Amino acid sequence: MELQFEGDELKSVLNRLRRAQGQISGVIKMIEEGRDCEDVVTQLAAASRALDRAGFAIIATGLQQCLTDADRNERDGETTQQMKARLEKLFLSLA
């Protein structure tokens, strides 16, 4: 299944990923500078949340597309149950 994003969805996911990228760069710099542990952990937690939210947005879009493509998937040999199991595994990978 190829994931396709609409304009606003794509912009939102990319912004979240860029935010996480900046926060991770900040964590690396903080560690290199020997900054306070609490500050480093706070920044790391923010990066983790940004990645989680981007992941959930990607999965939500994938779920929506899979539901609309269910007929096509069945024609390609994948049953609804197989598709559900695959998507559940993806979703749980972020939990």
N, C-alpha and C. Protein backbone atom coordinates (compact mmCIF):
# COMPACT_ATOMS: atom_id res chain seq x y z
N MET A 1 0.84 -1.17 0.00
CA MET A 1 0.00 0.00 0.00
C MET A 1 0.89 1.24 0.00
N GLU A 2 0.68 2.10 -0.95
CA GLU A 2 1.42 3.35 -1.02
C GLU A 2 0.65 4.41 -0.26
N LEU A 3 1.33 5.08 0.67
CA LEU A 3 0.70 6.09 1.51
C LEU A 3 0.68 7.41 0.76
N GLN A 4 -0.50 8.01 0.68
CA GLN A 4 -0.65 9.28 -0.01
C GLN A 4 -1.27 10.29 0.95
N PHE A 5 -0.64 11.47 1.03
CA PHE A 5 -1.11 12.52 1.92
C PHE A 5 -1.71 13.66 1.12
N GLU A 6 -2.75 14.24 1.68
CA GLU A 6 -3.32 15.47 1.14
C GLU A 6 -2.40 16.62 1.56
N GLY A 7 -2.57 17.79 0.99
CA GLY A 7 -1.71 18.93 1.25
C GLY A 7 -1.53 19.27 2.72
N ASP A 8 -2.63 19.45 3.46
CA ASP A 8 -2.53 19.81 4.87
C ASP A 8 -1.99 18.68 5.72
N GLU A 9 -2.36 17.45 5.40
CA GLU A 9 -1.85 16.29 6.14
C GLU A 9 -0.34 16.18 5.97
N LEU A 10 0.13 16.33 4.75
CA LEU A 10 1.55 16.24 4.46
C LEU A 10 2.31 17.33 5.21
N LYS A 11 1.79 18.54 5.15
CA LYS A 11 2.43 19.67 5.82
C LYS A 11 2.51 19.43 7.32
N SER A 12 1.45 18.92 7.92
CA SER A 12 1.42 18.67 9.35
C SER A 12 2.43 17.60 9.76
N VAL A 13 2.47 16.50 9.02
CA VAL A 13 3.41 15.41 9.34
C VAL A 13 4.84 15.88 9.17
N LEU A 14 5.12 16.57 8.08
CA LEU A 14 6.48 17.05 7.86
C LEU A 14 6.91 18.05 8.93
N ASN A 15 5.99 18.92 9.35
CA ASN A 15 6.31 19.87 10.42
C ASN A 15 6.65 19.14 11.72
N ARG A 16 5.88 18.12 12.05
CA ARG A 16 6.15 17.35 13.27
C ARG A 16 7.50 16.65 13.19
N LEU A 17 7.80 16.07 12.03
CA LEU A 17 9.09 15.39 11.87
C LEU A 17 10.26 16.38 11.91
N ARG A 18 10.08 17.54 11.31
CA ARG A 18 11.14 18.55 11.37
C ARG A 18 11.34 19.07 12.80
N ARG A 19 10.24 19.21 13.53
CA ARG A 19 10.33 19.63 14.93
C ARG A 19 11.12 18.59 15.73
N ALA A 20 10.81 17.33 15.52
CA ALA A 20 11.53 16.26 16.21
C ALA A 20 13.00 16.26 15.81
N GLN A 21 13.27 16.47 14.55
CA GLN A 21 14.65 16.51 14.07
C GLN A 21 15.42 17.63 14.77
N GLY A 22 14.81 18.79 14.89
CA GLY A 22 15.45 19.91 15.58
C GLY A 22 15.67 19.62 17.05
N GLN A 23 14.69 18.98 17.66
CA GLN A 23 14.81 18.65 19.08
C GLN A 23 15.90 17.61 19.32
N ILE A 24 16.01 16.64 18.44
CA ILE A 24 17.06 15.63 18.57
C ILE A 24 18.43 16.27 18.37
N SER A 25 18.54 17.18 17.41
CA SER A 25 19.80 17.91 17.24
C SER A 25 20.14 18.69 18.50
N GLY A 26 19.11 19.26 19.12
CA GLY A 26 19.31 19.99 20.36
C GLY A 26 19.79 19.09 21.49
N VAL A 27 19.24 17.89 21.56
CA VAL A 27 19.65 16.92 22.58
C VAL A 27 21.13 16.56 22.38
N ILE A 28 21.51 16.30 21.16
CA ILE A 28 22.91 15.95 20.87
C ILE A 28 23.84 17.09 21.31
N LYS A 29 23.47 18.30 20.94
CA LYS A 29 24.29 19.46 21.30
C LYS A 29 24.37 19.62 22.82
N MET A 30 23.22 19.44 23.50
CA MET A 30 23.19 19.57 24.96
C MET A 30 24.11 18.55 25.62
N ILE A 31 24.11 17.31 25.12
CA ILE A 31 24.96 16.27 25.67
C ILE A 31 26.43 16.61 25.43
N GLU A 32 26.73 17.06 24.20
CA GLU A 32 28.11 17.43 23.89
C GLU A 32 28.61 18.57 24.77
N GLU A 33 27.70 19.46 25.15
CA GLU A 33 28.06 20.61 25.99
C GLU A 33 28.03 20.29 27.48
N GLY A 34 27.61 19.08 27.82
CA GLY A 34 27.56 18.69 29.23
C GLY A 34 26.46 19.39 30.01
N ARG A 35 25.33 19.61 29.36
CA ARG A 35 24.22 20.32 29.99
C ARG A 35 23.56 19.48 31.08
N ASP A 36 22.73 20.13 31.85
CA ASP A 36 22.00 19.52 32.97
C ASP A 36 21.15 18.35 32.49
N CYS A 37 21.19 17.26 33.25
CA CYS A 37 20.46 16.04 32.90
C CYS A 37 18.96 16.30 32.73
N GLU A 38 18.39 17.06 33.63
CA GLU A 38 16.94 17.33 33.56
C GLU A 38 16.57 18.06 32.26
N ASP A 39 17.40 19.00 31.85
CA ASP A 39 17.14 19.72 30.60
C ASP A 39 17.23 18.79 29.40
N VAL A 40 18.22 17.90 29.42
CA VAL A 40 18.40 16.95 28.32
C VAL A 40 17.19 16.01 28.23
N VAL A 41 16.77 15.49 29.37
CA VAL A 41 15.64 14.56 29.39
C VAL A 41 14.35 15.26 28.95
N THR A 42 14.16 16.50 29.36
CA THR A 42 12.97 17.27 28.95
C THR A 42 12.95 17.44 27.43
N GLN A 43 14.10 17.78 26.86
CA GLN A 43 14.19 17.96 25.41
C GLN A 43 13.98 16.63 24.68
N LEU A 44 14.54 15.56 25.24
CA LEU A 44 14.37 14.24 24.64
C LEU A 44 12.90 13.80 24.67
N ALA A 45 12.21 14.09 25.77
CA ALA A 45 10.78 13.75 25.87
C ALA A 45 9.98 14.52 24.83
N ALA A 46 10.32 15.77 24.60
CA ALA A 46 9.62 16.56 23.58
C ALA A 46 9.82 15.97 22.19
N ALA A 47 11.04 15.53 21.90
CA ALA A 47 11.32 14.91 20.61
C ALA A 47 10.53 13.62 20.45
N SER A 48 10.46 12.84 21.52
CA SER A 48 9.70 11.59 21.49
C SER A 48 8.22 11.84 21.22
N ARG A 49 7.66 12.84 21.87
CA ARG A 49 6.24 13.17 21.64
C ARG A 49 6.00 13.61 20.19
N ALA A 50 6.91 14.41 19.65
CA ALA A 50 6.77 14.87 18.27
C ALA A 50 6.81 13.68 17.30
N LEU A 51 7.71 12.73 17.55
CA LEU A 51 7.77 11.54 16.70
C LEU A 51 6.52 10.68 16.85
N ASP A 52 6.04 10.53 18.07
CA ASP A 52 4.81 9.76 18.29
C ASP A 52 3.64 10.37 17.54
N ARG A 53 3.50 11.67 17.64
CA ARG A 53 2.37 12.34 16.97
C ARG A 53 2.48 12.22 15.45
N ALA A 54 3.68 12.33 14.92
CA ALA A 54 3.85 12.15 13.48
C ALA A 54 3.50 10.72 13.09
N GLY A 55 3.94 9.76 13.90
CA GLY A 55 3.63 8.36 13.62
C GLY A 55 2.14 8.07 13.65
N PHE A 56 1.46 8.62 14.65
CA PHE A 56 0.02 8.42 14.74
C PHE A 56 -0.70 9.06 13.56
N ALA A 57 -0.24 10.22 13.12
CA ALA A 57 -0.86 10.87 11.96
C ALA A 57 -0.66 10.03 10.71
N ILE A 58 0.52 9.44 10.57
CA ILE A 58 0.80 8.59 9.41
C ILE A 58 -0.08 7.35 9.45
N ILE A 59 -0.20 6.73 10.62
CA ILE A 59 -1.04 5.54 10.74
C ILE A 59 -2.51 5.87 10.52
N ALA A 60 -2.97 7.00 11.05
CA ALA A 60 -4.37 7.38 10.84
C ALA A 60 -4.67 7.56 9.36
N THR A 61 -3.76 8.18 8.65
CA THR A 61 -3.94 8.36 7.20
C THR A 61 -3.93 7.00 6.51
N GLY A 62 -3.02 6.13 6.93
CA GLY A 62 -2.97 4.79 6.35
C GLY A 62 -4.24 4.00 6.60
N LEU A 63 -4.76 4.10 7.82
CA LEU A 63 -6.02 3.40 8.13
C LEU A 63 -7.16 3.91 7.25
N GLN A 64 -7.24 5.20 7.11
CA GLN A 64 -8.30 5.78 6.28
C GLN A 64 -8.18 5.29 4.84
N GLN A 65 -6.97 5.29 4.33
CA GLN A 65 -6.77 4.84 2.95
C GLN A 65 -7.04 3.35 2.80
N CYS A 66 -6.66 2.57 3.81
CA CYS A 66 -6.91 1.13 3.74
C CYS A 66 -8.41 0.83 3.74
N LEU A 67 -9.14 1.58 4.52
CA LEU A 67 -10.59 1.35 4.55
C LEU A 67 -11.22 1.67 3.21
N THR A 68 -10.75 2.72 2.57
CA THR A 68 -11.32 3.06 1.26
C THR A 68 -10.81 2.14 0.16
N ASP A 69 -9.66 1.50 0.40
CA ASP A 69 -9.08 0.60 -0.59
C ASP A 69 -9.35 -0.87 -0.28
N ALA A 70 -10.24 -1.15 0.65
CA ALA A 70 -10.48 -2.53 1.08
C ALA A 70 -10.86 -3.43 -0.09
N ASP A 71 -11.71 -2.94 -0.98
CA ASP A 71 -12.12 -3.75 -2.13
C ASP A 71 -10.93 -4.09 -3.02
N ARG A 72 -10.07 -3.12 -3.23
CA ARG A 72 -8.88 -3.34 -4.07
C ARG A 72 -7.96 -4.36 -3.41
N ASN A 73 -7.79 -4.26 -2.09
CA ASN A 73 -6.93 -5.20 -1.36
C ASN A 73 -7.46 -6.62 -1.48
N GLU A 74 -8.77 -6.78 -1.38
CA GLU A 74 -9.35 -8.12 -1.52
C GLU A 74 -9.13 -8.66 -2.92
N ARG A 75 -9.21 -7.80 -3.92
CA ARG A 75 -8.96 -8.23 -5.29
C ARG A 75 -7.50 -8.64 -5.47
N ASP A 76 -6.59 -8.02 -4.71
CA ASP A 76 -5.16 -8.34 -4.78
C ASP A 76 -4.80 -9.55 -3.93
N GLY A 77 -5.78 -10.19 -3.31
CA GLY A 77 -5.53 -11.40 -2.55
C GLY A 77 -5.40 -11.21 -1.05
N GLU A 78 -5.45 -9.98 -0.57
CA GLU A 78 -5.35 -9.74 0.87
C GLU A 78 -6.76 -9.64 1.45
N THR A 79 -7.05 -10.48 2.42
CA THR A 79 -8.37 -10.43 3.04
C THR A 79 -8.44 -9.25 4.00
N THR A 80 -9.65 -8.90 4.37
CA THR A 80 -9.86 -7.82 5.33
C THR A 80 -9.17 -8.16 6.65
N GLN A 81 -9.23 -9.41 7.06
CA GLN A 81 -8.60 -9.83 8.32
C GLN A 81 -7.08 -9.68 8.25
N GLN A 82 -6.48 -10.03 7.11
CA GLN A 82 -5.04 -9.88 6.95
C GLN A 82 -4.64 -8.41 6.99
N MET A 83 -5.42 -7.59 6.32
CA MET A 83 -5.14 -6.16 6.31
C MET A 83 -5.26 -5.59 7.73
N LYS A 84 -6.30 -6.01 8.45
CA LYS A 84 -6.50 -5.54 9.82
C LYS A 84 -5.33 -5.94 10.71
N ALA A 85 -4.87 -7.17 10.58
CA ALA A 85 -3.74 -7.66 11.38
C ALA A 85 -2.47 -6.87 11.07
N ARG A 86 -2.25 -6.59 9.81
CA ARG A 86 -1.06 -5.83 9.40
C ARG A 86 -1.10 -4.41 9.96
N LEU A 87 -2.26 -3.77 9.88
CA LEU A 87 -2.40 -2.40 10.38
C LEU A 87 -2.32 -2.35 11.90
N GLU A 88 -2.88 -3.36 12.55
CA GLU A 88 -2.80 -3.42 14.01
C GLU A 88 -1.34 -3.54 14.46
N LYS A 89 -0.57 -4.34 13.75
CA LYS A 89 0.85 -4.50 14.08
C LYS A 89 1.57 -3.16 13.93
N LEU A 90 1.27 -2.43 12.87
CA LEU A 90 1.87 -1.11 12.67
C LEU A 90 1.50 -0.16 13.81
N PHE A 91 0.22 -0.15 14.15
CA PHE A 91 -0.24 0.75 15.20
C PHE A 91 0.44 0.43 16.54
N LEU A 92 0.52 -0.86 16.86
CA LEU A 92 1.13 -1.27 18.13
C LEU A 92 2.64 -0.99 18.16
N SER A 93 3.25 -0.89 17.01
CA SER A 93 4.68 -0.60 16.98
C SER A 93 4.98 0.79 17.55
N LEU A 94 3.98 1.66 17.58
CA LEU A 94 4.15 2.99 18.15
C LEU A 94 3.73 3.07 19.61
N ALA A 95 3.07 2.03 20.09
CA ALA A 95 2.56 2.08 21.47
C ALA A 95 3.65 1.87 22.48
